[in-house]
Amino acid sequence: MKIAVKIIIVCMLFIVPFTGNAQNYCMNYHKKFCKTKKDDVFTYNGQSRSALFEGGQTSELRIVTYKGQDYRVTICADKVLGDVKVRILETKKVPVEKKRQEKVVEDVYDSDGNPTGETKEVVNTITETTYEEKVEVLYDNSKDNNAMEVEFSMVASKKLVLELTPSAGAGEMGCIGVLIQHMPTPKKGF
């Protein structure tokens, strides 16, 4: 029994540091491996992130973009993960009218407006407005030759979702970095 406990402890001493190192290795992956142009006018955005992924895993990174800013999103990934599918999504709340019918018992009145003592069943249609979330795909790199970089300008401030899915099979592990950069949208005209 004591030997089994010692073996478990020794195994944990070897396994735990490797798991921690993989996560630490991925922590700043976007800073180390996502290449940018040397004479870049874009500035590093603090929403940039990196994470450890398993092949086929889909993960979402929520970001806030602001009106009057241009953005560049660059994706970099360990080769073992294969191509990375990238979609930029916007979730909108859309009003939806729903109608339902409700049966009500009402008193019957004569032509003078006096109650007759009788009742009748009336069906009322009630319209209620609820809000449902609608996801709109703003960008899909599978329709852009699997581009790992996209630039766009914002004409309104929005909350966006970056959805990432590596193509590698389950069991393959690696890092994915998302480098987000921004700059003020250049003025047009004189």
Protein backbone atom coordinates (compact mmCIF):
# COMPACT_ATOMS: atom_id res chain seq x y z
CA MET A 1 0.00 0.00 0.00
CA LYS A 2 2.82 2.41 0.90
CA ILE A 3 4.52 1.67 -2.42
CA ALA A 4 1.33 2.53 -4.36
CA VAL A 5 1.04 5.87 -2.54
CA LYS A 6 4.69 6.68 -3.30
CA ILE A 7 4.20 5.83 -6.99
CA ILE A 8 1.14 8.10 -7.18
CA ILE A 9 3.01 10.96 -5.52
CA VAL A 10 6.01 10.58 -7.84
CA CYS A 11 3.71 10.50 -10.90
CA MET A 12 1.94 13.65 -9.76
CA LEU A 13 5.26 15.42 -9.28
CA PHE A 14 6.07 14.75 -12.94
CA ILE A 15 2.61 15.36 -14.47
CA VAL A 16 1.54 18.56 -12.69
CA PRO A 17 4.52 20.69 -13.83
CA PHE A 18 3.96 19.68 -17.48
CA THR A 19 0.29 20.69 -17.33
CA GLY A 20 1.18 24.01 -15.74
CA ASN A 21 3.96 24.62 -18.28
CA ALA A 22 1.56 24.04 -21.20
CA GLN A 23 -0.82 26.64 -19.82
CA ASN A 24 2.02 29.07 -19.07
CA TYR A 25 3.45 28.49 -22.56
CA CYS A 26 0.11 29.45 -24.09
CA MET A 27 -0.42 32.48 -21.83
CA ASN A 28 1.46 34.97 -24.05
CA TYR A 29 1.42 32.95 -27.26
CA HIS A 30 -0.21 35.83 -29.17
CA LYS A 31 2.61 38.20 -28.16
CA LYS A 32 5.34 35.78 -29.24
CA PHE A 33 3.96 34.21 -32.41
CA CYS A 34 1.29 36.44 -34.00
CA LYS A 35 3.35 38.42 -36.51
CA THR A 36 2.63 42.08 -37.23
CA LYS A 37 4.05 44.52 -39.75
CA LYS A 38 7.15 46.46 -38.64
CA ASP A 39 5.84 49.93 -39.59
CA ASP A 40 2.47 49.22 -38.06
CA VAL A 41 0.11 52.06 -37.16
CA PHE A 42 -2.08 49.71 -35.15
CA THR A 43 -1.76 49.59 -31.35
CA TYR A 44 -1.90 46.48 -29.17
CA ASN A 45 -5.37 45.94 -27.70
CA GLY A 46 -5.65 44.55 -24.17
CA GLN A 47 -8.44 42.18 -25.22
CA SER A 48 -5.85 39.98 -26.98
CA ARG A 49 -5.73 36.46 -25.55
CA SER A 50 -4.13 33.04 -25.90
CA ALA A 51 -5.35 29.65 -24.73
CA LEU A 52 -4.66 25.94 -24.81
CA PHE A 53 -6.96 24.18 -27.30
CA GLU A 54 -7.79 20.60 -28.15
CA GLY A 55 -8.47 19.73 -31.78
CA GLY A 56 -12.13 20.24 -32.69
CA GLN A 57 -12.81 22.35 -29.58
CA THR A 58 -14.82 25.51 -30.23
CA SER A 59 -14.20 28.47 -27.97
CA GLU A 60 -15.52 32.02 -27.93
CA LEU A 61 -13.73 35.25 -27.07
CA ARG A 62 -16.05 38.18 -26.39
CA ILE A 63 -14.69 41.60 -27.29
CA VAL A 64 -15.96 45.17 -27.30
CA THR A 65 -15.31 47.32 -30.36
CA TYR A 66 -15.81 51.07 -30.53
CA LYS A 67 -17.15 53.49 -33.11
CA GLY A 68 -14.45 55.34 -35.04
CA GLN A 69 -11.84 52.61 -34.61
CA ASP A 70 -10.23 50.26 -37.14
CA TYR A 71 -9.39 46.78 -35.89
CA ARG A 72 -7.01 44.06 -36.97
CA VAL A 73 -7.49 40.55 -35.61
CA THR A 74 -4.60 38.14 -36.19
CA ILE A 75 -4.85 34.44 -35.31
CA CYS A 76 -1.79 32.26 -34.78
CA ALA A 77 -1.81 28.59 -33.80
CA ASP A 78 0.47 25.63 -33.22
CA LYS A 79 0.77 23.65 -36.48
CA VAL A 80 -0.47 20.50 -34.75
CA LEU A 81 -3.94 22.13 -34.54
CA GLY A 82 -4.25 22.45 -38.34
CA ASP A 83 -6.35 25.20 -39.90
CA VAL A 84 -8.34 27.33 -37.49
CA LYS A 85 -11.89 28.25 -38.44
CA VAL A 86 -12.56 31.83 -37.36
CA ARG A 87 -15.95 33.50 -37.29
CA ILE A 88 -16.84 36.96 -36.03
CA LEU A 89 -20.37 37.00 -34.67
CA GLU A 90 -22.77 39.62 -33.40
CA THR A 91 -25.64 38.68 -31.13
CA LYS A 92 -28.68 40.89 -31.46
CA LYS A 93 -31.90 40.90 -29.49
CA VAL A 94 -34.75 40.89 -31.98
CA PRO A 95 -38.38 41.62 -31.05
CA VAL A 96 -40.73 38.74 -31.84
CA GLU A 97 -44.49 39.04 -31.62
CA LYS A 98 -46.25 35.97 -30.30
CA LYS A 99 -50.01 35.61 -30.38
CA ARG A 100 -51.96 33.46 -28.01
CA GLN A 101 -55.65 32.93 -27.48
CA GLU A 102 -57.35 33.18 -24.14
CA LYS A 103 -60.90 32.06 -23.33
CA VAL A 104 -62.88 34.40 -21.10
CA VAL A 105 -66.41 34.10 -19.72
CA GLU A 106 -68.37 37.35 -20.08
CA ASP A 107 -71.83 38.42 -18.98
CA VAL A 108 -74.48 38.84 -21.69
CA TYR A 109 -76.27 42.21 -21.82
CA ASP A 110 -79.56 43.14 -23.45
CA SER A 111 -80.00 46.02 -25.90
CA ASP A 112 -80.45 48.48 -23.02
CA GLY A 113 -77.15 47.43 -21.43
CA ASN A 114 -78.69 45.48 -18.57
CA PRO A 115 -77.28 42.06 -17.59
CA THR A 116 -79.47 39.14 -18.67
CA GLY A 117 -78.01 36.71 -16.14
CA GLU A 118 -76.53 34.61 -18.92
CA THR A 119 -72.84 34.22 -19.76
CA LYS A 120 -70.97 33.44 -22.94
CA GLU A 121 -67.46 32.24 -23.69
CA VAL A 122 -65.34 34.68 -25.71
CA VAL A 123 -61.93 34.00 -27.26
CA ASN A 124 -59.53 36.95 -27.05
CA THR A 125 -56.31 37.11 -29.06
CA ILE A 126 -53.42 38.53 -27.05
CA THR A 127 -50.24 39.74 -28.75
CA GLU A 128 -47.07 39.74 -26.66
CA THR A 129 -43.67 41.01 -27.70
CA THR A 130 -40.67 39.01 -26.51
CA TYR A 131 -37.02 39.30 -27.44
CA GLU A 132 -34.98 36.47 -28.88
CA GLU A 133 -31.27 36.38 -29.55
CA LYS A 134 -30.29 36.24 -33.20
CA VAL A 135 -26.69 35.46 -34.10
CA GLU A 136 -25.40 37.16 -37.22
CA VAL A 137 -22.16 35.96 -38.83
CA LEU A 138 -20.20 39.08 -39.79
CA TYR A 139 -17.09 37.24 -41.00
CA ASP A 140 -16.14 33.62 -41.72
CA ASN A 141 -12.55 32.89 -42.73
CA SER A 142 -13.61 29.66 -44.46
CA LYS A 143 -15.14 31.96 -47.11
CA ASP A 144 -11.94 34.03 -47.21
CA ASN A 145 -9.36 31.37 -48.11
CA ASN A 146 -8.83 30.52 -44.39
CA ALA A 147 -7.26 33.94 -43.78
CA MET A 148 -5.68 34.25 -40.35
CA GLU A 149 -5.91 38.04 -40.31
CA VAL A 150 -8.85 40.37 -40.86
CA GLU A 151 -9.20 44.15 -40.68
CA PHE A 152 -12.44 46.07 -40.26
CA SER A 153 -13.76 49.52 -39.33
CA MET A 154 -16.49 50.20 -36.81
CA VAL A 155 -19.25 52.71 -37.55
CA ALA A 156 -20.97 51.87 -34.25
CA SER A 157 -19.78 50.43 -30.94
CA LYS A 158 -20.61 46.73 -30.67
CA LYS A 159 -20.00 43.65 -28.59
CA LEU A 160 -18.63 40.93 -30.86
CA VAL A 161 -17.75 37.28 -30.42
CA LEU A 162 -14.68 35.66 -31.99
CA GLU A 163 -15.43 31.96 -32.44
CA LEU A 164 -12.37 29.72 -32.97
CA THR A 165 -12.31 26.03 -33.93
CA PRO A 166 -9.08 24.20 -34.81
CA SER A 167 -9.48 21.50 -37.48
CA ALA A 168 -7.21 18.91 -35.80
CA GLY A 169 -8.77 15.79 -34.35
CA ALA A 170 -9.56 15.24 -30.69
CA GLY A 171 -6.51 14.54 -28.57
CA GLU A 172 -4.24 17.00 -30.40
CA MET A 173 -3.34 19.87 -28.06
CA GLY A 174 -1.79 23.23 -28.86
CA CYS A 175 -1.94 26.97 -28.37
CA ILE A 176 -4.01 29.52 -30.25
CA GLY A 177 -3.28 33.22 -29.96
CA VAL A 178 -5.65 36.04 -30.84
CA LEU A 179 -3.84 39.34 -31.34
CA ILE A 180 -6.24 42.27 -31.47
CA GLN A 181 -4.98 45.68 -32.55
CA HIS A 182 -6.76 48.98 -33.08
CA MET A 183 -6.24 52.51 -34.36
CA PRO A 184 -8.45 55.54 -34.98
CA THR A 185 -10.22 55.34 -38.32
CA PRO A 186 -8.40 57.73 -40.69
CA LYS A 187 -10.34 60.81 -41.75
CA LYS A 188 -11.48 60.83 -45.36
CA GLY A 189 -11.29 63.86 -47.62
CA PHE A 190 -9.76 67.29 -46.92
